[in-house]
Amino acid sequence: MSQVNFDSMSDAELKRYFLANRQDKAAFQAYLDRLNQRPKSIIASPDDPDFDEKIQAAIRQKLEAFRSSQSVNNTTEPTQ
């Protein structure tokens, strides 16, 4: 059996590989390692008086970024 080079995979490729090969413990570990390497940003602390507003704004921002990426992907896909 040949070794899979997880380092050469993009995040999306590694995720797809892991989901397709859930029994592969090395793929799971590589996926977790990759996730843990990402910087963590703190949106608000629990005692922040604007906690709810900041969390809701961050969620809206993520949704908008996702929607924008989806619309870009839909316009760049070839038609059949």
PDB file of N, CA and C in Angstrom:
ATOM      1  N   MET A   1       0.841  -1.179   0.000  1.00  0.00           N
ATOM      2  CA  MET A   1       0.000   0.000   0.000  1.00  0.00           C
ATOM      3  C   MET A   1       0.884   1.240   0.000  1.00  0.00           C
ATOM      4  N   SER A   2       0.572   2.214  -0.835  1.00  0.00           N
ATOM      5  CA  SER A   2       1.395   3.412  -0.928  1.00  0.00           C
ATOM      6  C   SER A   2       0.993   4.428   0.145  1.00  0.00           C
ATOM      7  N   GLN A   3       1.962   5.238   0.547  1.00  0.00           N
ATOM      8  CA  GLN A   3       1.719   6.283   1.534  1.00  0.00           C
ATOM      9  C   GLN A   3       1.078   7.487   0.868  1.00  0.00           C
ATOM     10  N   VAL A   4       0.141   8.100   1.550  1.00  0.00           N
ATOM     11  CA  VAL A   4      -0.522   9.295   1.052  1.00  0.00           C
ATOM     12  C   VAL A   4       0.193  10.495   1.638  1.00  0.00           C
ATOM     13  N   ASN A   5       0.505  11.492   0.798  1.00  0.00           N
ATOM     14  CA  ASN A   5       1.187  12.689   1.246  1.00  0.00           C
ATOM     15  C   ASN A   5       0.144  13.750   1.603  1.00  0.00           C
ATOM     16  N   PHE A   6      -0.197  13.830   2.885  1.00  0.00           N
ATOM     17  CA  PHE A   6      -1.219  14.772   3.330  1.00  0.00           C
ATOM     18  C   PHE A   6      -0.743  16.222   3.206  1.00  0.00           C
ATOM     19  N   ASP A   7       0.572  16.432   3.356  1.00  0.00           N
ATOM     20  CA  ASP A   7       1.112  17.787   3.280  1.00  0.00           C
ATOM     21  C   ASP A   7       0.928  18.410   1.896  1.00  0.00           C
ATOM     22  N   SER A   8       0.863  17.577   0.874  1.00  0.00           N
ATOM     23  CA  SER A   8       0.717  18.110  -0.481  1.00  0.00           C
ATOM     24  C   SER A   8      -0.746  18.425  -0.818  1.00  0.00           C
ATOM     25  N   MET A   9      -1.666  18.024   0.075  1.00  0.00           N
ATOM     26  CA  MET A   9      -3.094  18.247  -0.168  1.00  0.00           C
ATOM     27  C   MET A   9      -3.525  19.617   0.343  1.00  0.00           C
ATOM     28  N   SER A  10      -4.458  20.217  -0.357  1.00  0.00           N
ATOM     29  CA  SER A  10      -5.078  21.437   0.152  1.00  0.00           C
ATOM     30  C   SER A  10      -5.979  21.059   1.322  1.00  0.00           C
ATOM     31  N   ASP A  11      -6.460  22.046   2.042  1.00  0.00           N
ATOM     32  CA  ASP A  11      -7.375  21.767   3.152  1.00  0.00           C
ATOM     33  C   ASP A  11      -8.610  21.022   2.659  1.00  0.00           C
ATOM     34  N   ALA A  12      -9.166  21.473   1.537  1.00  0.00           N
ATOM     35  CA  ALA A  12     -10.373  20.842   0.995  1.00  0.00           C
ATOM     36  C   ALA A  12     -10.089  19.411   0.549  1.00  0.00           C
ATOM     37  N   GLU A  13      -8.935  19.181  -0.080  1.00  0.00           N
ATOM     38  CA  GLU A  13      -8.583  17.826  -0.518  1.00  0.00           C
ATOM     39  C   GLU A  13      -8.394  16.896   0.678  1.00  0.00           C
ATOM     40  N   LEU A  14      -7.733  17.392   1.721  1.00  0.00           N
ATOM     41  CA  LEU A  14      -7.514  16.578   2.919  1.00  0.00           C
ATOM     42  C   LEU A  14      -8.845  16.237   3.581  1.00  0.00           C
ATOM     43  N   LYS A  15      -9.735  17.207   3.650  1.00  0.00           N
ATOM     44  CA  LYS A  15     -11.049  16.953   4.243  1.00  0.00           C
ATOM     45  C   LYS A  15     -11.810  15.905   3.434  1.00  0.00           C
ATOM     46  N   ARG A  16     -11.813  16.049   2.104  1.00  0.00           N
ATOM     47  CA  ARG A  16     -12.498  15.071   1.249  1.00  0.00           C
ATOM     48  C   ARG A  16     -11.884  13.682   1.425  1.00  0.00           C
ATOM     49  N   TYR A  17     -10.545  13.616   1.465  1.00  0.00           N
ATOM     50  CA  TYR A  17      -9.878  12.325   1.627  1.00  0.00           C
ATOM     51  C   TYR A  17     -10.266  11.686   2.961  1.00  0.00           C
ATOM     52  N   PHE A  18     -10.208  12.480   4.038  1.00  0.00           N
ATOM     53  CA  PHE A  18     -10.551  11.936   5.341  1.00  0.00           C
ATOM     54  C   PHE A  18     -11.996  11.453   5.382  1.00  0.00           C
ATOM     55  N   LEU A  19     -12.914  12.235   4.830  1.00  0.00           N
ATOM     56  CA  LEU A  19     -14.322  11.831   4.849  1.00  0.00           C
ATOM     57  C   LEU A  19     -14.563  10.571   4.026  1.00  0.00           C
ATOM     58  N   ALA A  20     -13.780  10.377   2.984  1.00  0.00           N
ATOM     59  CA  ALA A  20     -13.918   9.182   2.150  1.00  0.00           C
ATOM     60  C   ALA A  20     -13.184   7.976   2.750  1.00  0.00           C
ATOM     61  N   ASN A  21     -12.242   8.239   3.668  1.00  0.00           N
ATOM     62  CA  ASN A  21     -11.422   7.178   4.259  1.00  0.00           C
ATOM     63  C   ASN A  21     -11.406   7.318   5.773  1.00  0.00           C
ATOM     64  N   ARG A  22     -12.565   7.241   6.370  1.00  0.00           N
ATOM     65  CA  ARG A  22     -12.695   7.496   7.813  1.00  0.00           C
ATOM     66  C   ARG A  22     -11.918   6.515   8.677  1.00  0.00           C
ATOM     67  N   GLN A  23     -11.576   5.373   8.155  1.00  0.00           N
ATOM     68  CA  GLN A  23     -10.813   4.401   8.933  1.00  0.00           C
ATOM     69  C   GLN A  23      -9.330   4.751   8.978  1.00  0.00           C
ATOM     70  N   ASP A  24      -8.894   5.689   8.159  1.00  0.00           N
ATOM     71  CA  ASP A  24      -7.484   6.077   8.077  1.00  0.00           C
ATOM     72  C   ASP A  24      -7.153   7.025   9.232  1.00  0.00           C
ATOM     73  N   LYS A  25      -6.555   6.469  10.282  1.00  0.00           N
ATOM     74  CA  LYS A  25      -6.252   7.254  11.481  1.00  0.00           C
ATOM     75  C   LYS A  25      -5.201   8.330  11.198  1.00  0.00           C
ATOM     76  N   ALA A  26      -4.275   8.058  10.297  1.00  0.00           N
ATOM     77  CA  ALA A  26      -3.256   9.052   9.955  1.00  0.00           C
ATOM     78  C   ALA A  26      -3.897  10.252   9.253  1.00  0.00           C
ATOM     79  N   ALA A  27      -4.891   9.997   8.411  1.00  0.00           N
ATOM     80  CA  ALA A  27      -5.594  11.091   7.732  1.00  0.00           C
ATOM     81  C   ALA A  27      -6.356  11.925   8.755  1.00  0.00           C
ATOM     82  N   PHE A  28      -6.991  11.260   9.706  1.00  0.00           N
ATOM     83  CA  PHE A  28      -7.717  11.972  10.758  1.00  0.00           C
ATOM     84  C   PHE A  28      -6.768  12.845  11.565  1.00  0.00           C
ATOM     85  N   GLN A  29      -5.616  12.292  11.937  1.00  0.00           N
ATOM     86  CA  GLN A  29      -4.643  13.060  12.715  1.00  0.00           C
ATOM     87  C   GLN A  29      -4.105  14.237  11.909  1.00  0.00           C
ATOM     88  N   ALA A  30      -3.835  14.029  10.625  1.00  0.00           N
ATOM     89  CA  ALA A  30      -3.351  15.118   9.775  1.00  0.00           C
ATOM     90  C   ALA A  30      -4.394  16.223   9.670  1.00  0.00           C
ATOM     91  N   TYR A  31      -5.654  15.826   9.574  1.00  0.00           N
ATOM     92  CA  TYR A  31      -6.748  16.800   9.493  1.00  0.00           C
ATOM     93  C   TYR A  31      -6.846  17.601  10.794  1.00  0.00           C
ATOM     94  N   LEU A  32      -6.791  16.917  11.941  1.00  0.00           N
ATOM     95  CA  LEU A  32      -6.833  17.619  13.225  1.00  0.00           C
ATOM     96  C   LEU A  32      -5.633  18.534  13.408  1.00  0.00           C
ATOM     97  N   ASP A  33      -4.451  18.056  13.023  1.00  0.00           N
ATOM     98  CA  ASP A  33      -3.247  18.879  13.128  1.00  0.00           C
ATOM     99  C   ASP A  33      -3.387  20.143  12.296  1.00  0.00           C
ATOM    100  N   ARG A  34      -3.921  19.991  11.107  1.00  0.00           N
ATOM    101  CA  ARG A  34      -4.113  21.140  10.222  1.00  0.00           C
ATOM    102  C   ARG A  34      -5.084  22.139  10.844  1.00  0.00           C
ATOM    103  N   LEU A  35      -6.178  21.650  11.420  1.00  0.00           N
ATOM    104  CA  LEU A  35      -7.151  22.544  12.055  1.00  0.00           C
ATOM    105  C   LEU A  35      -6.544  23.268  13.255  1.00  0.00           C
ATOM    106  N   ASN A  36      -5.740  22.559  14.034  1.00  0.00           N
ATOM    107  CA  ASN A  36      -5.145  23.155  15.235  1.00  0.00           C
ATOM    108  C   ASN A  36      -4.050  24.158  14.916  1.00  0.00           C
ATOM    109  N   GLN A  37      -3.519  24.146  13.699  1.00  0.00           N
ATOM    110  CA  GLN A  37      -2.479  25.098  13.309  1.00  0.00           C
ATOM    111  C   GLN A  37      -3.052  26.461  12.948  1.00  0.00           C
ATOM    112  N   ARG A  38      -4.341  26.518  12.707  1.00  0.00           N
ATOM    113  CA  ARG A  38      -4.973  27.775  12.319  1.00  0.00           C
ATOM    114  C   ARG A  38      -5.012  28.730  13.507  1.00  0.00           C
ATOM    115  N   PRO A  39      -4.763  29.998  13.228  1.00  0.00           N
ATOM    116  CA  PRO A  39      -4.833  30.965  14.329  1.00  0.00           C
ATOM    117  C   PRO A  39      -6.275  31.108  14.831  1.00  0.00           C
ATOM    118  N   LYS A  40      -6.398  31.268  16.109  1.00  0.00           N
ATOM    119  CA  LYS A  40      -7.708  31.429  16.723  1.00  0.00           C
ATOM    120  C   LYS A  40      -7.941  32.921  16.961  1.00  0.00           C
ATOM    121  N   SER A  41      -9.090  33.408  16.583  1.00  0.00           N
ATOM    122  CA  SER A  41      -9.399  34.804  16.859  1.00  0.00           C
ATOM    123  C   SER A  41     -10.483  34.864  17.926  1.00  0.00           C
ATOM    124  N   ILE A  42     -10.321  35.804  18.827  1.00  0.00           N
ATOM    125  CA  ILE A  42     -11.299  35.988  19.896  1.00  0.00           C
ATOM    126  C   ILE A  42     -12.241  37.099  19.470  1.00  0.00           C
ATOM    127  N   ILE A  43     -13.506  36.757  19.373  1.00  0.00           N
ATOM    128  CA  ILE A  43     -14.518  37.721  18.934  1.00  0.00           C
ATOM    129  C   ILE A  43     -14.966  38.584  20.097  1.00  0.00           C
ATOM    130  N   ALA A  44     -15.248  37.961  21.228  1.00  0.00           N
ATOM    131  CA  ALA A  44     -15.708  38.675  22.416  1.00  0.00           C
ATOM    132  C   ALA A  44     -15.514  37.777  23.632  1.00  0.00           C
ATOM    133  N   SER A  45     -15.341  38.395  24.770  1.00  0.00           N
ATOM    134  CA  SER A  45     -15.259  37.620  26.003  1.00  0.00           C
ATOM    135  C   SER A  45     -16.657  37.541  26.619  1.00  0.00           C
ATOM    136  N   PRO A  46     -16.915  36.536  27.431  1.00  0.00           N
ATOM    137  CA  PRO A  46     -18.255  36.355  27.996  1.00  0.00           C
ATOM    138  C   PRO A  46     -18.763  37.553  28.804  1.00  0.00           C
ATOM    139  N   ASP A  47     -17.853  38.317  29.405  1.00  0.00           N
ATOM    140  CA  ASP A  47     -18.295  39.457  30.209  1.00  0.00           C
ATOM    141  C   ASP A  47     -18.396  40.755  29.405  1.00  0.00           C
ATOM    142  N   ASP A  48     -18.184  40.676  28.092  1.00  0.00           N
ATOM    143  CA  ASP A  48     -18.298  41.844  27.217  1.00  0.00           C
ATOM    144  C   ASP A  48     -19.768  42.278  27.140  1.00  0.00           C
ATOM    145  N   PRO A  49     -20.062  43.557  27.385  1.00  0.00           N
ATOM    146  CA  PRO A  49     -21.459  43.998  27.343  1.00  0.00           C
ATOM    147  C   PRO A  49     -22.087  43.872  25.947  1.00  0.00           C
ATOM    148  N   ASP A  50     -21.273  43.857  24.900  1.00  0.00           N
ATOM    149  CA  ASP A  50     -21.777  43.732  23.529  1.00  0.00           C
ATOM    150  C   ASP A  50     -21.577  42.318  22.977  1.00  0.00           C
ATOM    151  N   PHE A  51     -21.497  41.341  23.863  1.00  0.00           N
ATOM    152  CA  PHE A  51     -21.217  39.958  23.473  1.00  0.00           C
ATOM    153  C   PHE A  51     -22.156  39.469  22.375  1.00  0.00           C
ATOM    154  N   ASP A  52     -23.468  39.564  22.600  1.00  0.00           N
ATOM    155  CA  ASP A  52     -24.442  39.053  21.627  1.00  0.00           C
ATOM    156  C   ASP A  52     -24.294  39.726  20.266  1.00  0.00           C
ATOM    157  N   GLU A  53     -24.143  41.037  20.271  1.00  0.00           N
ATOM    158  CA  GLU A  53     -24.021  41.765  19.007  1.00  0.00           C
ATOM    159  C   GLU A  53     -22.754  41.364  18.251  1.00  0.00           C
ATOM    160  N   LYS A  54     -21.652  41.197  18.977  1.00  0.00           N
ATOM    161  CA  LYS A  54     -20.388  40.826  18.332  1.00  0.00           C
ATOM    162  C   LYS A  54     -20.465  39.412  17.749  1.00  0.00           C
ATOM    163  N   ILE A  55     -21.087  38.494  18.467  1.00  0.00           N
ATOM    164  CA  ILE A  55     -21.231  37.124  17.978  1.00  0.00           C
ATOM    165  C   ILE A  55     -22.121  37.099  16.740  1.00  0.00           C
ATOM    166  N   GLN A  56     -23.233  37.812  16.792  1.00  0.00           N
ATOM    167  CA  GLN A  56     -24.135  37.864  15.645  1.00  0.00           C
ATOM    168  C   GLN A  56     -23.460  38.501  14.430  1.00  0.00           C
ATOM    169  N   ALA A  57     -22.671  39.534  14.649  1.00  0.00           N
ATOM    170  CA  ALA A  57     -21.949  40.179  13.547  1.00  0.00           C
ATOM    171  C   ALA A  57     -20.931  39.207  12.938  1.00  0.00           C
ATOM    172  N   ALA A  58     -20.241  38.447  13.787  1.00  0.00           N
ATOM    173  CA  ALA A  58     -19.259  37.477  13.282  1.00  0.00           C
ATOM    174  C   ALA A  58     -19.948  36.378  12.480  1.00  0.00           C
ATOM    175  N   ILE A  59     -21.106  35.941  12.924  1.00  0.00           N
ATOM    176  CA  ILE A  59     -21.855  34.911  12.193  1.00  0.00           C
ATOM    177  C   ILE A  59     -22.313  35.464  10.844  1.00  0.00           C
ATOM    178  N   ARG A  60     -22.838  36.699  10.840  1.00  0.00           N
ATOM    179  CA  ARG A  60     -23.251  37.307   9.573  1.00  0.00           C
ATOM    180  C   ARG A  60     -22.080  37.431   8.606  1.00  0.00           C
ATOM    181  N   GLN A  61     -20.927  37.800   9.138  1.00  0.00           N
ATOM    182  CA  GLN A  61     -19.718  37.950   8.313  1.00  0.00           C
ATOM    183  C   GLN A  61     -19.325  36.610   7.689  1.00  0.00           C
ATOM    184  N   LYS A  62     -19.353  35.548   8.483  1.00  0.00           N
ATOM    185  CA  LYS A  62     -19.019  34.210   7.968  1.00  0.00           C
ATOM    186  C   LYS A  62     -20.024  33.762   6.907  1.00  0.00           C
ATOM    187  N   LEU A  63     -21.306  33.999   7.167  1.00  0.00           N
ATOM    188  CA  LEU A  63     -22.335  33.624   6.194  1.00  0.00           C
ATOM    189  C   LEU A  63     -22.161  34.380   4.886  1.00  0.00           C
ATOM    190  N   GLU A  64     -21.870  35.658   4.980  1.00  0.00           N
ATOM    191  CA  GLU A  64     -21.680  36.459   3.771  1.00  0.00           C
ATOM    192  C   GLU A  64     -20.453  35.983   2.990  1.00  0.00           C
ATOM    193  N   ALA A  65     -19.376  35.673   3.695  1.00  0.00           N
ATOM    194  CA  ALA A  65     -18.176  35.158   3.026  1.00  0.00           C
ATOM    195  C   ALA A  65     -18.481  33.837   2.344  1.00  0.00           C
ATOM    196  N   PHE A  66     -19.242  32.975   3.007  1.00  0.00           N
ATOM    197  CA  PHE A  66     -19.618  31.694   2.414  1.00  0.00           C
ATOM    198  C   PHE A  66     -20.475  31.908   1.173  1.00  0.00           C
ATOM    199  N   ARG A  67     -21.468  32.775   1.286  1.00  0.00           N
ATOM    200  CA  ARG A  67     -22.349  33.050   0.144  1.00  0.00           C
ATOM    201  C   ARG A  67     -21.562  33.641  -1.028  1.00  0.00           C
ATOM    202  N   SER A  68     -20.631  34.517  -0.729  1.00  0.00           N
ATOM    203  CA  SER A  68     -19.808  35.103  -1.789  1.00  0.00           C
ATOM    204  C   SER A  68     -18.962  34.038  -2.477  1.00  0.00           C
ATOM    205  N   SER A  69     -18.379  33.131  -1.677  1.00  0.00           N
ATOM    206  CA  SER A  69     -17.562  32.077  -2.279  1.00  0.00           C
ATOM    207  C   SER A  69     -18.420  31.126  -3.101  1.00  0.00           C
ATOM    208  N   GLN A  70     -19.643  30.885  -2.660  1.00  0.00           N
ATOM    209  CA  GLN A  70     -20.547  30.014  -3.407  1.00  0.00           C
ATOM    210  C   GLN A  70     -20.938  30.662  -4.732  1.00  0.00           C
ATOM    211  N   SER A  71     -21.208  31.958  -4.722  1.00  0.00           N
ATOM    212  CA  SER A  71     -21.605  32.618  -5.970  1.00  0.00           C
ATOM    213  C   SER A  71     -20.433  32.671  -6.944  1.00  0.00           C
ATOM    214  N   VAL A  72     -19.208  32.830  -6.437  1.00  0.00           N
ATOM    215  CA  VAL A  72     -18.030  32.804  -7.304  1.00  0.00           C
ATOM    216  C   VAL A  72     -17.858  31.417  -7.894  1.00  0.00           C
ATOM    217  N   ASN A  73     -18.025  30.380  -7.072  1.00  0.00           N
ATOM    218  CA  ASN A  73     -17.889  29.006  -7.553  1.00  0.00           C
ATOM    219  C   ASN A  73     -18.958  28.684  -8.603  1.00  0.00           C
ATOM    220  N   ASN A  74     -20.157  29.182  -8.404  1.00  0.00           N
ATOM    221  CA  ASN A  74     -21.231  28.901  -9.355  1.00  0.00           C
ATOM    222  C   ASN A  74     -21.018  29.603 -10.687  1.00  0.00           C
ATOM    223  N   THR A  75     -20.382  30.757 -10.665  1.00  0.00           N
ATOM    224  CA  THR A  75     -20.168  31.478 -11.925  1.00  0.00           C
ATOM    225  C   THR A  75     -18.935  30.986 -12.664  1.00  0.00           C
ATOM    226  N   THR A  76     -18.032  30.292 -11.968  1.00  0.00           N
ATOM    227  CA  THR A  76     -16.810  29.819 -12.626  1.00  0.00           C
ATOM    228  C   THR A  76     -16.917  28.373 -13.091  1.00  0.00           C
ATOM    229  N   GLU A  77     -17.980  27.686 -12.705  1.00  0.00           N
ATOM    230  CA  GLU A  77     -18.136  26.303 -13.144  1.00  0.00           C
ATOM    231  C   GLU A  77     -18.551  26.263 -14.600  1.00  0.00           C
ATOM    232  N   PRO A  78     -17.984  25.348 -15.377  1.00  0.00           N
ATOM    233  CA  PRO A  78     -18.366  25.254 -16.796  1.00  0.00           C
ATOM    234  C   PRO A  78     -19.800  24.766 -16.947  1.00  0.00           C
ATOM    235  N   THR A  79     -20.474  25.284 -17.939  1.00  0.00           N
ATOM    236  CA  THR A  79     -21.832  24.836 -18.221  1.00  0.00           C
ATOM    237  C   THR A  79     -21.786  23.673 -19.182  1.00  0.00           C
ATOM    238  N   GLN A  80     -22.818  22.850 -19.125  1.00  0.00           N
ATOM    239  CA  GLN A  80     -22.843  21.652 -20.002  1.00  0.00           C
ATOM    240  C   GLN A  80     -23.886  21.785 -21.034  1.00  0.00           C
TER     241      GLN A  80
END
